[in-house]
């Protein structure tokens, strides 16, 4: 099971990407738990996850997010803009897998 949390402004703009990532995981026979939340909820939402992804629109929060994630040893990075913009679930899922080391 790969547990991924995406964080953006309101937790809603990434909902389509979450759906596409789940579809990509289904095609690969991969068990995932993927959800999106507002970036201001990150500290409460990273317990026990494999990686955290920031939407490009909140990439400016990377420094703050890194500090939050470091406290729980959760790898974190910003979703590449092209993959986010194209809603490429396969590429973002692969990005999350690589980031998590799974």
Protein backbone atom coordinates (compact mmCIF):
# COMPACT_ATOMS: atom_id res chain seq x y z
CA UNK A 1 0.00 0.00 0.00
CA UNK A 2 1.34 3.38 -1.02
CA UNK A 3 -0.14 6.27 0.94
CA UNK A 4 0.13 9.66 -0.77
CA UNK A 5 -1.22 13.04 0.29
CA UNK A 6 -1.48 15.95 -2.12
CA UNK A 7 -1.68 19.48 -0.78
CA UNK A 8 -2.93 22.54 -2.63
CA UNK A 9 -4.79 25.77 -1.89
CA UNK A 10 -8.16 24.33 -0.91
CA UNK A 11 -7.68 20.60 -1.42
CA UNK A 12 -10.10 20.69 -4.33
CA UNK A 13 -8.06 21.62 -7.40
CA UNK A 14 -6.14 18.36 -7.14
CA UNK A 15 -9.22 16.14 -6.92
CA UNK A 16 -9.15 15.32 -10.65
CA UNK A 17 -5.45 14.47 -10.40
CA UNK A 18 -6.17 12.17 -7.43
CA UNK A 19 -8.77 10.36 -9.56
CA UNK A 20 -6.30 9.99 -12.44
CA UNK A 21 -3.61 8.68 -10.06
CA UNK A 22 -6.01 6.11 -8.63
CA UNK A 23 -6.92 4.98 -12.15
CA UNK A 24 -3.23 4.63 -13.02
CA UNK A 25 -2.66 2.58 -9.85
CA UNK A 26 -5.61 0.32 -10.71
CA UNK A 27 -4.13 -0.34 -14.16
CA UNK A 28 -0.85 -1.33 -12.49
CA UNK A 29 -2.58 -3.51 -9.89
CA UNK A 30 -1.16 -1.26 -7.21
CA UNK A 31 -2.88 -0.66 -3.88
CA UNK A 32 -2.92 3.05 -2.99
CA UNK A 33 -4.45 5.50 -0.56
CA UNK A 34 -4.41 8.92 -2.23
CA UNK A 35 -6.20 12.04 -1.01
CA UNK A 36 -5.95 15.81 -1.39
CA UNK A 37 -6.14 18.43 1.35
CA UNK A 38 -5.53 22.15 1.80
CA UNK A 39 -1.85 22.95 2.41
CA UNK A 40 -2.67 24.52 5.78
CA UNK A 41 -3.70 21.05 7.03
CA UNK A 42 -0.38 19.39 6.22
CA UNK A 43 0.84 19.09 9.81
CA UNK A 44 -2.33 17.18 10.77
CA UNK A 45 -2.41 14.97 7.65
CA UNK A 46 1.08 13.49 7.26
CA UNK A 47 1.10 10.89 10.03
CA UNK A 48 1.86 7.45 8.60
CA UNK A 49 2.04 8.44 4.94
CA UNK A 50 4.69 7.46 2.40
CA UNK A 51 5.04 10.86 0.72
CA UNK A 52 3.53 14.33 0.47
CA UNK A 53 3.14 16.24 -2.77
CA UNK A 54 2.56 19.97 -3.13
CA UNK A 55 0.58 21.36 -6.03
CA UNK A 56 2.67 23.78 -8.12
CA UNK A 57 0.39 26.66 -7.11
CA UNK A 58 1.61 26.27 -3.50
CA UNK A 59 5.21 25.44 -4.42
CA UNK A 60 6.26 28.61 -2.62
CA UNK A 61 5.46 26.73 0.63
CA UNK A 62 8.12 24.08 -0.04
CA UNK A 63 10.49 25.34 2.68
CA UNK A 64 7.79 25.37 5.34
CA UNK A 65 6.37 22.03 4.14
CA UNK A 66 9.83 20.44 4.22
CA UNK A 67 10.22 21.34 7.88
CA UNK A 68 6.80 19.88 8.71
CA UNK A 69 7.52 16.67 6.80
CA UNK A 70 11.01 16.26 8.25
CA UNK A 71 9.52 15.93 11.73
CA UNK A 72 7.75 12.73 10.59
CA UNK A 73 10.43 11.55 8.12
CA UNK A 74 8.00 11.98 5.23
CA UNK A 75 9.53 12.72 1.82
CA UNK A 76 7.96 15.75 0.14
CA UNK A 77 8.29 17.56 -3.18
CA UNK A 78 6.39 19.79 -5.60
CA UNK A 79 4.49 18.09 -8.43
CA UNK A 80 6.06 19.02 -11.78
CA UNK A 81 3.97 21.76 -13.39
CA UNK A 82 3.61 19.99 -16.76
CA UNK A 83 2.33 16.78 -15.16
CA UNK A 84 -0.02 18.69 -12.89
CA UNK A 85 -1.34 20.85 -15.74
CA UNK A 86 -1.91 17.83 -17.99
CA UNK A 87 -3.43 15.92 -15.06
CA UNK A 88 -1.06 13.05 -15.86
CA UNK A 89 -1.92 10.56 -13.15
CA UNK A 90 0.61 7.99 -14.36
CA UNK A 91 3.56 10.38 -14.22
CA UNK A 92 2.58 11.87 -10.86
CA UNK A 93 2.08 8.38 -9.43
CA UNK A 94 5.54 7.38 -10.71
CA UNK A 95 6.95 10.59 -9.20
CA UNK A 96 5.37 9.72 -5.83
CA UNK A 97 6.64 6.12 -5.99
CA UNK A 98 10.19 7.30 -6.68
CA UNK A 99 9.98 9.94 -3.95
CA UNK A 100 8.74 7.42 -1.40
CA UNK A 101 11.33 4.83 -2.36
CA UNK A 102 8.67 2.15 -2.84
